[in-house]
């Protein structure tokens, strides 16, 4: 069985920053919702419940958490156009590198 998706451990400064985004409510709705998802996960709420209270799918919640774990606060803002292509290309390259490292590790256990 796959491990449950959760946000990585966040420190006090990150928690305050997330709270500020959620409480302020100004700016992008997308950023606000993603910050809310991360904050709820940090508080121990499971993916299914987060999806229910934020009116989104469990897959979307998992995507947000994976992206935040990989890219931190850079994963919260909405990205369009050329910037989105750059983000996706960087993630694809990182994912391929991770797969190569895992493949090597499986061939030569420590």
C-alpha atoms as a PDB file:
ATOM      1  CA  UNK A   1       0.000   0.000   0.000  1.00  0.00           C
ATOM      2  CA  UNK A   2       1.278   3.448  -0.868  1.00  0.00           C
ATOM      3  CA  UNK A   3       2.199   5.841   1.883  1.00  0.00           C
ATOM      4  CA  UNK A   4      -0.404   8.496   2.683  1.00  0.00           C
ATOM      5  CA  UNK A   5       0.301  11.910   1.208  1.00  0.00           C
ATOM      6  CA  UNK A   6       1.042  14.622   3.767  1.00  0.00           C
ATOM      7  CA  UNK A   7       2.771  17.924   3.667  1.00  0.00           C
ATOM      8  CA  UNK A   8       6.366  17.917   4.864  1.00  0.00           C
ATOM      9  CA  UNK A   9       7.127  19.241   8.349  1.00  0.00           C
ATOM     10  CA  UNK A  10       6.703  23.009   8.299  1.00  0.00           C
ATOM     11  CA  UNK A  11       8.450  25.353  10.712  1.00  0.00           C
ATOM     12  CA  UNK A  12       6.851  28.192  12.698  1.00  0.00           C
ATOM     13  CA  UNK A  13       7.742  30.858  10.128  1.00  0.00           C
ATOM     14  CA  UNK A  14       6.172  28.844   7.310  1.00  0.00           C
ATOM     15  CA  UNK A  15       3.084  28.223   9.424  1.00  0.00           C
ATOM     16  CA  UNK A  16       2.702  31.943  10.132  1.00  0.00           C
ATOM     17  CA  UNK A  17       3.167  32.738   6.444  1.00  0.00           C
ATOM     18  CA  UNK A  18       0.484  30.215   5.463  1.00  0.00           C
ATOM     19  CA  UNK A  19      -1.880  31.605   8.100  1.00  0.00           C
ATOM     20  CA  UNK A  20      -1.285  35.133   6.837  1.00  0.00           C
ATOM     21  CA  UNK A  21      -2.181  34.076   3.278  1.00  0.00           C
ATOM     22  CA  UNK A  22      -5.358  32.287   4.409  1.00  0.00           C
ATOM     23  CA  UNK A  23      -6.522  34.970   6.857  1.00  0.00           C
ATOM     24  CA  UNK A  24      -5.771  37.936   4.629  1.00  0.00           C
ATOM     25  CA  UNK A  25      -7.751  36.539   1.730  1.00  0.00           C
ATOM     26  CA  UNK A  26      -6.461  39.167  -0.695  1.00  0.00           C
ATOM     27  CA  UNK A  27      -4.759  38.234  -3.915  1.00  0.00           C
ATOM     28  CA  UNK A  28      -5.296  35.094  -5.965  1.00  0.00           C
ATOM     29  CA  UNK A  29      -8.021  32.676  -4.955  1.00  0.00           C
ATOM     30  CA  UNK A  30      -5.816  29.862  -6.262  1.00  0.00           C
ATOM     31  CA  UNK A  31      -2.971  30.832  -3.911  1.00  0.00           C
ATOM     32  CA  UNK A  32      -5.425  31.160  -1.016  1.00  0.00           C
ATOM     33  CA  UNK A  33      -6.909  27.696  -1.646  1.00  0.00           C
ATOM     34  CA  UNK A  34      -3.510  26.020  -2.039  1.00  0.00           C
ATOM     35  CA  UNK A  35      -2.284  27.621   1.197  1.00  0.00           C
ATOM     36  CA  UNK A  36      -5.437  26.389   2.918  1.00  0.00           C
ATOM     37  CA  UNK A  37      -4.823  22.826   1.675  1.00  0.00           C
ATOM     38  CA  UNK A  38      -1.208  22.871   2.908  1.00  0.00           C
ATOM     39  CA  UNK A  39      -2.206  24.315   6.282  1.00  0.00           C
ATOM     40  CA  UNK A  40      -4.936  21.712   6.808  1.00  0.00           C
ATOM     41  CA  UNK A  41      -2.499  18.915   5.979  1.00  0.00           C
ATOM     42  CA  UNK A  42       0.072  20.356   8.383  1.00  0.00           C
ATOM     43  CA  UNK A  43      -2.616  20.206  11.072  1.00  0.00           C
ATOM     44  CA  UNK A  44      -3.001  16.470  10.440  1.00  0.00           C
ATOM     45  CA  UNK A  45      -6.183  16.404   8.349  1.00  0.00           C
ATOM     46  CA  UNK A  46      -6.295  13.494   5.863  1.00  0.00           C
ATOM     47  CA  UNK A  47      -6.498  14.105   2.109  1.00  0.00           C
ATOM     48  CA  UNK A  48     -10.124  12.965   1.787  1.00  0.00           C
ATOM     49  CA  UNK A  49     -11.332  15.337   4.478  1.00  0.00           C
ATOM     50  CA  UNK A  50      -9.305  18.244   3.021  1.00  0.00           C
ATOM     51  CA  UNK A  51     -10.921  17.582  -0.364  1.00  0.00           C
ATOM     52  CA  UNK A  52     -14.345  17.581   1.271  1.00  0.00           C
ATOM     53  CA  UNK A  53     -13.954  20.859   3.181  1.00  0.00           C
ATOM     54  CA  UNK A  54     -12.264  22.687   0.284  1.00  0.00           C
ATOM     55  CA  UNK A  55     -14.755  21.423  -2.331  1.00  0.00           C
ATOM     56  CA  UNK A  56     -12.097  19.896  -4.563  1.00  0.00           C
ATOM     57  CA  UNK A  57     -10.916  16.415  -5.515  1.00  0.00           C
ATOM     58  CA  UNK A  58      -8.558  14.252  -3.516  1.00  0.00           C
ATOM     59  CA  UNK A  59      -6.260  14.097  -6.556  1.00  0.00           C
ATOM     60  CA  UNK A  60      -6.019  17.904  -6.632  1.00  0.00           C
ATOM     61  CA  UNK A  61      -5.175  17.934  -2.909  1.00  0.00           C
ATOM     62  CA  UNK A  62      -2.436  15.351  -3.457  1.00  0.00           C
ATOM     63  CA  UNK A  63      -1.022  17.394  -6.354  1.00  0.00           C
ATOM     64  CA  UNK A  64      -0.912  20.544  -4.206  1.00  0.00           C
ATOM     65  CA  UNK A  65       0.823  18.703  -1.352  1.00  0.00           C
ATOM     66  CA  UNK A  66       3.362  17.022  -3.652  1.00  0.00           C
ATOM     67  CA  UNK A  67       4.123  20.350  -5.330  1.00  0.00           C
ATOM     68  CA  UNK A  68       4.496  22.175  -2.010  1.00  0.00           C
ATOM     69  CA  UNK A  69       6.771  19.433  -0.674  1.00  0.00           C
ATOM     70  CA  UNK A  70       8.957  19.757  -3.780  1.00  0.00           C
ATOM     71  CA  UNK A  71       8.882  23.523  -4.410  1.00  0.00           C
ATOM     72  CA  UNK A  72       7.795  25.137  -1.126  1.00  0.00           C
ATOM     73  CA  UNK A  73       6.001  28.472  -1.378  1.00  0.00           C
ATOM     74  CA  UNK A  74       6.889  28.672  -5.059  1.00  0.00           C
ATOM     75  CA  UNK A  75       4.181  26.062  -5.670  1.00  0.00           C
ATOM     76  CA  UNK A  76       1.362  28.238  -4.285  1.00  0.00           C
ATOM     77  CA  UNK A  77       0.929  31.028  -6.856  1.00  0.00           C
ATOM     78  CA  UNK A  78      -0.979  30.424 -10.056  1.00  0.00           C
ATOM     79  CA  UNK A  79       1.382  30.110 -13.022  1.00  0.00           C
ATOM     80  CA  UNK A  80       0.407  30.808 -16.651  1.00  0.00           C
ATOM     81  CA  UNK A  81       2.030  30.821 -20.072  1.00  0.00           C
ATOM     82  CA  UNK A  82       5.778  30.490 -20.484  1.00  0.00           C
ATOM     83  CA  UNK A  83       6.390  30.384 -16.723  1.00  0.00           C
ATOM     84  CA  UNK A  84       4.100  27.354 -16.442  1.00  0.00           C
ATOM     85  CA  UNK A  85       6.037  25.562 -19.182  1.00  0.00           C
ATOM     86  CA  UNK A  86       9.302  26.263 -17.342  1.00  0.00           C
ATOM     87  CA  UNK A  87       7.871  24.946 -14.072  1.00  0.00           C
ATOM     88  CA  UNK A  88       6.591  21.772 -15.721  1.00  0.00           C
ATOM     89  CA  UNK A  89       9.893  21.203 -17.528  1.00  0.00           C
ATOM     90  CA  UNK A  90      11.871  21.646 -14.297  1.00  0.00           C
ATOM     91  CA  UNK A  91       9.576  19.213 -12.454  1.00  0.00           C
ATOM     92  CA  UNK A  92       9.848  16.662 -15.258  1.00  0.00           C
ATOM     93  CA  UNK A  93      13.652  16.877 -15.201  1.00  0.00           C
ATOM     94  CA  UNK A  94      13.711  16.525 -11.406  1.00  0.00           C
ATOM     95  CA  UNK A  95      11.335  13.537 -11.550  1.00  0.00           C
ATOM     96  CA  UNK A  96      13.475  11.820 -14.184  1.00  0.00           C
ATOM     97  CA  UNK A  97      16.587  12.378 -12.074  1.00  0.00           C
ATOM     98  CA  UNK A  98      14.789  10.902  -9.037  1.00  0.00           C
ATOM     99  CA  UNK A  99      13.806   7.829 -11.069  1.00  0.00           C
ATOM    100  CA  UNK A 100      17.411   7.356 -12.202  1.00  0.00           C
ATOM    101  CA  UNK A 101      18.684   7.601  -8.627  1.00  0.00           C
ATOM    102  CA  UNK A 102      16.078   5.081  -7.459  1.00  0.00           C
ATOM    103  CA  UNK A 103      16.986   2.713 -10.274  1.00  0.00           C
ATOM    104  CA  UNK A 104      20.672   2.861  -9.303  1.00  0.00           C
ATOM    105  CA  UNK A 105      19.847   2.402  -5.650  1.00  0.00           C
ATOM    106  CA  UNK A 106      17.751  -0.690  -6.398  1.00  0.00           C
ATOM    107  CA  UNK A 107      20.609  -2.256  -8.379  1.00  0.00           C
ATOM    108  CA  UNK A 108      23.249  -1.594  -5.721  1.00  0.00           C
ATOM    109  CA  UNK A 109      21.711  -1.773  -2.248  1.00  0.00           C
ATOM    110  CA  UNK A 110      23.722  -0.228   0.564  1.00  0.00           C
END
